[in-house]
All heavy atoms as atom14 arrays in JSON, in Angstrom:
{
  "sequence": "FTISRDNAKNTVYLQMCSLKPEDTAVYYCNADRDIGSHW",
  "atom14_mask": [
    [1, 1, 1, 1, 1, 1, 1, 1, 1, 1, 1, 0, 0, 0],
    [1, 1, 1, 1, 1, 1, 1, 0, 0, 0, 0, 0, 0, 0],
    [1, 1, 1, 1, 1, 1, 1, 1, 0, 0, 0, 0, 0, 0],
    [1, 1, 1, 1, 1, 1, 0, 0, 0, 0, 0, 0, 0, 0],
    [1, 1, 1, 1, 1, 1, 1, 1, 1, 1, 1, 0, 0, 0],
    [1, 1, 1, 1, 1, 1, 1, 1, 0, 0, 0, 0, 0, 0],
    [1, 1, 1, 1, 1, 1, 1, 1, 0, 0, 0, 0, 0, 0],
    [1, 1, 1, 1, 1, 0, 0, 0, 0, 0, 0, 0, 0, 0],
    [1, 1, 1, 1, 1, 1, 1, 1, 1, 0, 0, 0, 0, 0],
    [1, 1, 1, 1, 1, 1, 1, 1, 0, 0, 0, 0, 0, 0],
    [1, 1, 1, 1, 1, 1, 1, 0, 0, 0, 0, 0, 0, 0],
    [1, 1, 1, 1, 1, 1, 1, 0, 0, 0, 0, 0, 0, 0],
    [1, 1, 1, 1, 1, 1, 1, 1, 1, 1, 1, 1, 0, 0],
    [1, 1, 1, 1, 1, 1, 1, 1, 0, 0, 0, 0, 0, 0],
    [1, 1, 1, 1, 1, 1, 1, 1, 1, 0, 0, 0, 0, 0],
    [1, 1, 1, 1, 1, 1, 1, 1, 0, 0, 0, 0, 0, 0],
    [1, 1, 1, 1, 1, 1, 0, 0, 0, 0, 0, 0, 0, 0],
    [1, 1, 1, 1, 1, 1, 0, 0, 0, 0, 0, 0, 0, 0],
    [1, 1, 1, 1, 1, 1, 1, 1, 0, 0, 0, 0, 0, 0],
    [1, 1, 1, 1, 1, 1, 1, 1, 1, 0, 0, 0, 0, 0],
    [1, 1, 1, 1, 1, 1, 1, 0, 0, 0, 0, 0, 0, 0],
    [1, 1, 1, 1, 1, 1, 1, 1, 1, 0, 0, 0, 0, 0],
    [1, 1, 1, 1, 1, 1, 1, 1, 0, 0, 0, 0, 0, 0],
    [1, 1, 1, 1, 1, 1, 1, 0, 0, 0, 0, 0, 0, 0],
    [1, 1, 1, 1, 1, 0, 0, 0, 0, 0, 0, 0, 0, 0],
    [1, 1, 1, 1, 1, 1, 1, 0, 0, 0, 0, 0, 0, 0],
    [1, 1, 1, 1, 1, 1, 1, 1, 1, 1, 1, 1, 0, 0],
    [1, 1, 1, 1, 1, 1, 1, 1, 1, 1, 1, 1, 0, 0],
    [1, 1, 1, 1, 1, 1, 0, 0, 0, 0, 0, 0, 0, 0],
    [1, 1, 1, 1, 1, 1, 1, 1, 0, 0, 0, 0, 0, 0],
    [1, 1, 1, 1, 1, 0, 0, 0, 0, 0, 0, 0, 0, 0],
    [1, 1, 1, 1, 1, 1, 1, 1, 0, 0, 0, 0, 0, 0],
    [1, 1, 1, 1, 1, 1, 1, 1, 1, 1, 1, 0, 0, 0],
    [1, 1, 1, 1, 1, 1, 1, 1, 0, 0, 0, 0, 0, 0],
    [1, 1, 1, 1, 1, 1, 1, 1, 0, 0, 0, 0, 0, 0],
    [1, 1, 1, 1, 0, 0, 0, 0, 0, 0, 0, 0, 0, 0],
    [1, 1, 1, 1, 1, 1, 0, 0, 0, 0, 0, 0, 0, 0],
    [1, 1, 1, 1, 1, 1, 1, 1, 1, 1, 0, 0, 0, 0],
    [1, 1, 1, 1, 1, 1, 1, 1, 1, 1, 1, 1, 1, 1]
  ],
  "atom14_positions": [
    [[101.75, 95.86, 90.58], [103.12, 95.65, 90.86], [103.84, 96.95, 90.79], [103.55, 97.87, 90.02], [103.77, 94.71, 89.81], [103.32, 93.34, 89.85], [102.23, 92.89, 90.7], [103.98, 92.37, 89.08], [101.83, 91.58, 90.75], [103.58, 90.99, 89.05], [102.52, 90.61, 89.9], [0.0, 0.0, 0.0], [0.0, 0.0, 0.0], [0.0, 0.0, 0.0]],
    [[104.89, 97.12, 91.59], [105.76, 98.27, 91.62], [107.22, 97.86, 91.63], [107.67, 97.08, 92.52], [105.54, 99.14, 92.85], [104.07, 99.49, 92.92], [106.31, 100.39, 92.8], [0.0, 0.0, 0.0], [0.0, 0.0, 0.0], [0.0, 0.0, 0.0], [0.0, 0.0, 0.0], [0.0, 0.0, 0.0], [0.0, 0.0, 0.0], [0.0, 0.0, 0.0]],
    [[107.98, 98.37, 90.72], [109.42, 98.1, 90.58], [110.15, 99.37, 91.19], [109.74, 100.49, 90.97], [109.87, 97.84, 89.17], [111.33, 97.51, 89.21], [109.6, 99.0, 88.25], [111.79, 97.01, 87.78], [0.0, 0.0, 0.0], [0.0, 0.0, 0.0], [0.0, 0.0, 0.0], [0.0, 0.0, 0.0], [0.0, 0.0, 0.0], [0.0, 0.0, 0.0]],
    [[111.11, 99.12, 92.0], [111.92, 100.2, 92.58], [113.37, 99.72, 92.66], [113.68, 98.56, 92.53], [111.38, 100.55, 94.01], [111.42, 99.49, 94.81], [0.0, 0.0, 0.0], [0.0, 0.0, 0.0], [0.0, 0.0, 0.0], [0.0, 0.0, 0.0], [0.0, 0.0, 0.0], [0.0, 0.0, 0.0], [0.0, 0.0, 0.0], [0.0, 0.0, 0.0]],
    [[114.23, 100.72, 92.97], [115.62, 100.37, 93.1], [116.18, 101.17, 94.25], [115.81, 102.34, 94.49], [116.34, 100.64, 91.79], [116.38, 102.07, 91.34], [116.79, 102.22, 89.89], [118.14, 101.64, 89.63], [118.61, 101.21, 88.46], [117.83, 101.38, 87.39], [119.77, 100.7, 88.31], [0.0, 0.0, 0.0], [0.0, 0.0, 0.0], [0.0, 0.0, 0.0]],
    [[117.28, 100.57, 94.85], [118.03, 101.23, 95.91], [119.45, 101.08, 95.45], [120.1, 100.06, 95.8], [117.7, 100.72, 97.28], [118.38, 101.45, 98.42], [119.37, 102.16, 98.21], [117.96, 101.35, 99.52], [0.0, 0.0, 0.0], [0.0, 0.0, 0.0], [0.0, 0.0, 0.0], [0.0, 0.0, 0.0], [0.0, 0.0, 0.0], [0.0, 0.0, 0.0]],
    [[119.99, 102.12, 94.82], [121.37, 101.94, 94.31], [122.38, 101.83, 95.38], [123.42, 101.23, 95.26], [121.64, 103.16, 93.39], [120.93, 103.06, 92.04], [120.56, 101.98, 91.59], [120.7, 104.17, 91.46], [0.0, 0.0, 0.0], [0.0, 0.0, 0.0], [0.0, 0.0, 0.0], [0.0, 0.0, 0.0], [0.0, 0.0, 0.0], [0.0, 0.0, 0.0]],
    [[122.15, 102.48, 96.52], [122.99, 102.37, 97.63], [123.11, 100.91, 98.18], [124.25, 100.55, 98.66], [122.61, 103.29, 98.79], [0.0, 0.0, 0.0], [0.0, 0.0, 0.0], [0.0, 0.0, 0.0], [0.0, 0.0, 0.0], [0.0, 0.0, 0.0], [0.0, 0.0, 0.0], [0.0, 0.0, 0.0], [0.0, 0.0, 0.0], [0.0, 0.0, 0.0]],
    [[122.1, 100.14, 98.0], [122.13, 98.76, 98.45], [122.35, 97.81, 97.27], [122.38, 96.59, 97.43], [120.82, 98.42, 99.11], [120.54, 99.06, 100.43], [119.18, 98.64, 101.05], [118.92, 99.34, 102.37], [117.64, 98.98, 102.97], [0.0, 0.0, 0.0], [0.0, 0.0, 0.0], [0.0, 0.0, 0.0], [0.0, 0.0, 0.0], [0.0, 0.0, 0.0]],
    [[122.48, 98.37, 96.1], [122.76, 97.61, 94.87], [121.59, 96.54, 94.69], [121.88, 95.37, 94.3], [124.07, 96.92, 94.86], [124.84, 97.09, 93.58], [124.67, 98.09, 92.82], [125.68, 96.09, 93.27], [0.0, 0.0, 0.0], [0.0, 0.0, 0.0], [0.0, 0.0, 0.0], [0.0, 0.0, 0.0], [0.0, 0.0, 0.0], [0.0, 0.0, 0.0]],
    [[120.39, 97.04, 94.9], [119.21, 96.13, 94.94], [118.06, 96.68, 94.23], [117.82, 97.86, 94.15], [118.74, 95.87, 96.41], [119.93, 95.3, 97.1], [117.59, 94.94, 96.47], [0.0, 0.0, 0.0], [0.0, 0.0, 0.0], [0.0, 0.0, 0.0], [0.0, 0.0, 0.0], [0.0, 0.0, 0.0], [0.0, 0.0, 0.0], [0.0, 0.0, 0.0]],
    [[117.35, 95.85, 93.52], [116.12, 96.1, 92.79], [114.99, 95.34, 93.5], [115.2, 94.22, 93.87], [116.21, 95.87, 91.32], [114.86, 96.15, 90.66], [117.27, 96.68, 90.66], [0.0, 0.0, 0.0], [0.0, 0.0, 0.0], [0.0, 0.0, 0.0], [0.0, 0.0, 0.0], [0.0, 0.0, 0.0], [0.0, 0.0, 0.0], [0.0, 0.0, 0.0]],
    [[113.87, 95.98, 93.62], [112.68, 95.34, 94.27], [111.57, 95.27, 93.33], [111.4, 96.06, 92.36], [112.3, 96.1, 95.5], [113.36, 96.26, 96.56], [114.1, 97.48, 96.55], [113.68, 95.35, 97.49], [115.09, 97.66, 97.53], [114.65, 95.44, 98.38], [115.36, 96.7, 98.42], [116.39, 96.87, 99.36], [0.0, 0.0, 0.0], [0.0, 0.0, 0.0]],
    [[110.67, 94.27, 93.61], [109.41, 94.12, 92.92], [108.36, 93.89, 94.02], [108.27, 92.87, 94.63], [109.4, 93.01, 91.94], [108.05, 92.87, 91.17], [107.83, 94.06, 90.24], [108.03, 91.55, 90.5], [0.0, 0.0, 0.0], [0.0, 0.0, 0.0], [0.0, 0.0, 0.0], [0.0, 0.0, 0.0], [0.0, 0.0, 0.0], [0.0, 0.0, 0.0]],
    [[107.52, 94.92, 94.29], [106.4, 94.81, 95.25], [105.15, 94.3, 94.44], [104.74, 94.95, 93.48], [106.1, 96.07, 95.93], [104.9, 96.03, 96.86], [105.25, 95.14, 98.08], [106.23, 95.28, 98.69], [104.37, 94.18, 98.36], [0.0, 0.0, 0.0], [0.0, 0.0, 0.0], [0.0, 0.0, 0.0], [0.0, 0.0, 0.0], [0.0, 0.0, 0.0]],
    [[104.66, 93.11, 94.78], [103.61, 92.51, 94.12], [102.34, 92.47, 95.04], [102.37, 91.88, 96.05], [103.93, 91.03, 93.68], [105.27, 90.96, 92.99], [105.94, 89.33, 92.85], [104.74, 88.54, 91.78], [0.0, 0.0, 0.0], [0.0, 0.0, 0.0], [0.0, 0.0, 0.0], [0.0, 0.0, 0.0], [0.0, 0.0, 0.0], [0.0, 0.0, 0.0]],
    [[101.32, 93.06, 94.6], [100.07, 93.17, 95.41], [98.91, 92.62, 94.54], [98.91, 92.51, 93.28], [99.77, 94.66, 95.8], [101.03, 95.4, 96.85], [0.0, 0.0, 0.0], [0.0, 0.0, 0.0], [0.0, 0.0, 0.0], [0.0, 0.0, 0.0], [0.0, 0.0, 0.0], [0.0, 0.0, 0.0], [0.0, 0.0, 0.0], [0.0, 0.0, 0.0]],
    [[97.84, 92.34, 95.26], [96.61, 91.79, 94.57], [96.97, 90.61, 93.61], [96.52, 90.6, 92.48], [95.95, 92.87, 93.84], [95.5, 93.89, 94.75], [0.0, 0.0, 0.0], [0.0, 0.0, 0.0], [0.0, 0.0, 0.0], [0.0, 0.0, 0.0], [0.0, 0.0, 0.0], [0.0, 0.0, 0.0], [0.0, 0.0, 0.0], [0.0, 0.0, 0.0]],
    [[97.71, 89.7, 94.1], [98.19, 88.67, 93.26], [97.04, 87.76, 92.78], [96.1, 87.46, 93.52], [99.22, 87.78, 94.04], [100.65, 88.5, 94.08], [101.46, 87.83, 95.19], [101.34, 88.38, 92.74], [0.0, 0.0, 0.0], [0.0, 0.0, 0.0], [0.0, 0.0, 0.0], [0.0, 0.0, 0.0], [0.0, 0.0, 0.0], [0.0, 0.0, 0.0]],
    [[97.25, 87.27, 91.56], [96.27, 86.43, 90.9], [96.9, 85.11, 90.53], [98.15, 85.06, 90.33], [95.78, 87.08, 89.59], [95.17, 88.54, 89.75], [94.8, 89.09, 88.46], [94.24, 90.48, 88.61], [93.95, 91.07, 87.29], [0.0, 0.0, 0.0], [0.0, 0.0, 0.0], [0.0, 0.0, 0.0], [0.0, 0.0, 0.0], [0.0, 0.0, 0.0]],
    [[96.1, 84.07, 90.42], [96.68, 82.74, 90.01], [97.52, 82.87, 88.73], [98.54, 82.16, 88.58], [95.53, 81.86, 89.84], [94.55, 82.38, 90.8], [94.72, 83.92, 90.74], [0.0, 0.0, 0.0], [0.0, 0.0, 0.0], [0.0, 0.0, 0.0], [0.0, 0.0, 0.0], [0.0, 0.0, 0.0], [0.0, 0.0, 0.0], [0.0, 0.0, 0.0]],
    [[97.11, 83.66, 87.79], [97.84, 83.81, 86.57], [99.18, 84.49, 86.71], [99.95, 84.56, 85.7], [96.93, 84.56, 85.48], [96.42, 85.89, 85.93], [94.95, 85.73, 86.4], [94.66, 84.81, 87.16], [94.16, 86.65, 86.02], [0.0, 0.0, 0.0], [0.0, 0.0, 0.0], [0.0, 0.0, 0.0], [0.0, 0.0, 0.0], [0.0, 0.0, 0.0]],
    [[99.45, 85.05, 87.88], [100.8, 85.58, 88.21], [101.79, 84.5, 88.46], [102.99, 84.81, 88.63], [100.78, 86.58, 89.33], [99.97, 87.85, 89.01], [100.06, 88.35, 87.9], [99.21, 88.3, 89.93], [0.0, 0.0, 0.0], [0.0, 0.0, 0.0], [0.0, 0.0, 0.0], [0.0, 0.0, 0.0], [0.0, 0.0, 0.0], [0.0, 0.0, 0.0]],
    [[101.31, 83.31, 88.59], [102.23, 82.11, 88.92], [103.28, 82.02, 87.79], [103.01, 81.87, 86.63], [101.48, 80.81, 89.04], [100.61, 80.98, 90.19], [102.37, 79.67, 89.28], [0.0, 0.0, 0.0], [0.0, 0.0, 0.0], [0.0, 0.0, 0.0], [0.0, 0.0, 0.0], [0.0, 0.0, 0.0], [0.0, 0.0, 0.0], [0.0, 0.0, 0.0]],
    [[104.56, 82.08, 88.12], [105.64, 82.04, 87.19], [106.94, 82.0, 87.93], [107.01, 82.28, 89.21], [105.52, 83.28, 86.25], [0.0, 0.0, 0.0], [0.0, 0.0, 0.0], [0.0, 0.0, 0.0], [0.0, 0.0, 0.0], [0.0, 0.0, 0.0], [0.0, 0.0, 0.0], [0.0, 0.0, 0.0], [0.0, 0.0, 0.0], [0.0, 0.0, 0.0]],
    [[108.04, 81.75, 87.16], [109.36, 81.89, 87.61], [109.71, 83.37, 87.29], [109.53, 83.84, 86.09], [110.34, 80.99, 86.95], [111.77, 81.26, 87.45], [110.0, 79.55, 87.37], [0.0, 0.0, 0.0], [0.0, 0.0, 0.0], [0.0, 0.0, 0.0], [0.0, 0.0, 0.0], [0.0, 0.0, 0.0], [0.0, 0.0, 0.0], [0.0, 0.0, 0.0]],
    [[110.09, 84.17, 88.29], [110.44, 85.6, 88.09], [111.96, 85.78, 87.97], [112.71, 85.24, 88.85], [109.82, 86.41, 89.21], [108.32, 86.54, 89.08], [107.45, 85.53, 89.25], [107.82, 87.84, 88.78], [106.09, 85.64, 89.13], [106.42, 87.98, 88.65], [105.58, 86.87, 88.82], [104.27, 87.07, 88.69], [0.0, 0.0, 0.0], [0.0, 0.0, 0.0]],
    [[112.36, 86.57, 86.97], [113.7, 86.74, 86.7], [114.14, 88.24, 86.79], [113.41, 89.04, 86.22], [114.18, 86.27, 85.35], [114.03, 84.77, 85.17], [112.8, 84.2, 84.64], [115.0, 83.89, 85.44], [112.65, 82.88, 84.45], [114.82, 82.53, 85.24], [113.67, 82.02, 84.75], [113.44, 80.72, 84.52], [0.0, 0.0, 0.0], [0.0, 0.0, 0.0]],
    [[115.18, 88.52, 87.41], [115.82, 89.92, 87.46], [116.78, 89.99, 86.31], [117.6, 89.06, 86.13], [116.47, 90.11, 88.81], [117.34, 91.66, 89.03], [0.0, 0.0, 0.0], [0.0, 0.0, 0.0], [0.0, 0.0, 0.0], [0.0, 0.0, 0.0], [0.0, 0.0, 0.0], [0.0, 0.0, 0.0], [0.0, 0.0, 0.0], [0.0, 0.0, 0.0]],
    [[116.85, 91.1, 85.66], [117.76, 91.38, 84.55], [118.34, 92.77, 84.67], [117.58, 93.73, 84.89], [117.04, 91.2, 83.22], [117.83, 91.75, 82.06], [117.54, 92.86, 81.56], [118.7, 90.93, 81.54], [0.0, 0.0, 0.0], [0.0, 0.0, 0.0], [0.0, 0.0, 0.0], [0.0, 0.0, 0.0], [0.0, 0.0, 0.0], [0.0, 0.0, 0.0]],
    [[119.63, 92.78, 84.5], [120.37, 94.08, 84.45], [120.92, 94.29, 83.1], [121.57, 93.41, 82.54], [121.52, 94.08, 85.49], [0.0, 0.0, 0.0], [0.0, 0.0, 0.0], [0.0, 0.0, 0.0], [0.0, 0.0, 0.0], [0.0, 0.0, 0.0], [0.0, 0.0, 0.0], [0.0, 0.0, 0.0], [0.0, 0.0, 0.0], [0.0, 0.0, 0.0]],
    [[120.57, 95.42, 82.48], [120.93, 95.64, 81.04], [121.6, 96.99, 80.84], [121.23, 97.97, 81.38], [119.62, 95.57, 80.26], [119.92, 95.7, 78.75], [120.44, 94.73, 78.23], [119.61, 96.73, 78.2], [0.0, 0.0, 0.0], [0.0, 0.0, 0.0], [0.0, 0.0, 0.0], [0.0, 0.0, 0.0], [0.0, 0.0, 0.0], [0.0, 0.0, 0.0]],
    [[122.67, 96.91, 80.09], [123.36, 98.14, 79.59], [123.98, 97.84, 78.24], [123.92, 96.71, 77.7], [124.37, 98.7, 80.59], [125.49, 97.67, 80.92], [126.51, 98.32, 81.79], [127.17, 99.47, 81.22], [128.23, 100.0, 81.7], [128.79, 99.67, 82.83], [128.81, 101.11, 81.03], [0.0, 0.0, 0.0], [0.0, 0.0, 0.0], [0.0, 0.0, 0.0]],
    [[124.6, 98.82, 77.66], [125.04, 98.74, 76.31], [126.09, 97.62, 76.1], [126.18, 97.02, 75.06], [125.66, 100.04, 75.76], [126.7, 100.66, 76.71], [126.93, 100.14, 77.77], [127.34, 101.6, 76.24], [0.0, 0.0, 0.0], [0.0, 0.0, 0.0], [0.0, 0.0, 0.0], [0.0, 0.0, 0.0], [0.0, 0.0, 0.0], [0.0, 0.0, 0.0]],
    [[126.83, 97.35, 77.14], [127.94, 96.33, 77.06], [127.47, 94.93, 77.33], [128.31, 94.02, 77.18], [129.18, 96.68, 77.87], [128.87, 96.72, 79.32], [129.77, 98.03, 77.38], [130.04, 96.95, 80.19], [0.0, 0.0, 0.0], [0.0, 0.0, 0.0], [0.0, 0.0, 0.0], [0.0, 0.0, 0.0], [0.0, 0.0, 0.0], [0.0, 0.0, 0.0]],
    [[126.25, 94.76, 77.76], [125.82, 93.49, 78.04], [124.66, 93.34, 79.05], [124.35, 94.42, 79.72], [0.0, 0.0, 0.0], [0.0, 0.0, 0.0], [0.0, 0.0, 0.0], [0.0, 0.0, 0.0], [0.0, 0.0, 0.0], [0.0, 0.0, 0.0], [0.0, 0.0, 0.0], [0.0, 0.0, 0.0], [0.0, 0.0, 0.0], [0.0, 0.0, 0.0]],
    [[124.2, 92.18, 79.3], [123.11, 91.96, 80.29], [123.5, 90.83, 81.26], [124.36, 90.01, 80.9], [121.84, 91.5, 79.52], [121.21, 92.58, 78.9], [0.0, 0.0, 0.0], [0.0, 0.0, 0.0], [0.0, 0.0, 0.0], [0.0, 0.0, 0.0], [0.0, 0.0, 0.0], [0.0, 0.0, 0.0], [0.0, 0.0, 0.0], [0.0, 0.0, 0.0]],
    [[122.82, 90.85, 82.4], [123.07, 89.86, 83.39], [121.72, 89.43, 83.93], [120.76, 90.2, 84.0], [123.93, 90.38, 84.56], [125.25, 90.93, 84.13], [126.33, 90.12, 83.86], [125.61, 92.23, 83.91], [127.36, 90.94, 83.5], [126.92, 92.15, 83.5], [0.0, 0.0, 0.0], [0.0, 0.0, 0.0], [0.0, 0.0, 0.0], [0.0, 0.0, 0.0]],
    [[121.66, 88.19, 84.24], [120.32, 87.58, 84.75], [120.5, 86.91, 86.06], [121.53, 86.37, 86.38], [119.95, 86.52, 83.68], [119.47, 87.03, 82.42], [120.29, 87.31, 81.33], [118.08, 87.28, 81.97], [119.48, 87.82, 80.28], [118.19, 87.78, 80.7], [116.92, 87.16, 82.62], [117.0, 88.19, 80.01], [115.78, 87.57, 82.0], [115.81, 88.05, 80.66]]
  ]
}
């Protein structure tokens, strides 16, 4: 897996390769800073 960000697009990406059955899950994005988090 590779995480990346494009701040100009205000977007975060997750490139997932060689996926396995055990990768099956609900995937959540989280933004975190000192004043709080968002999900």
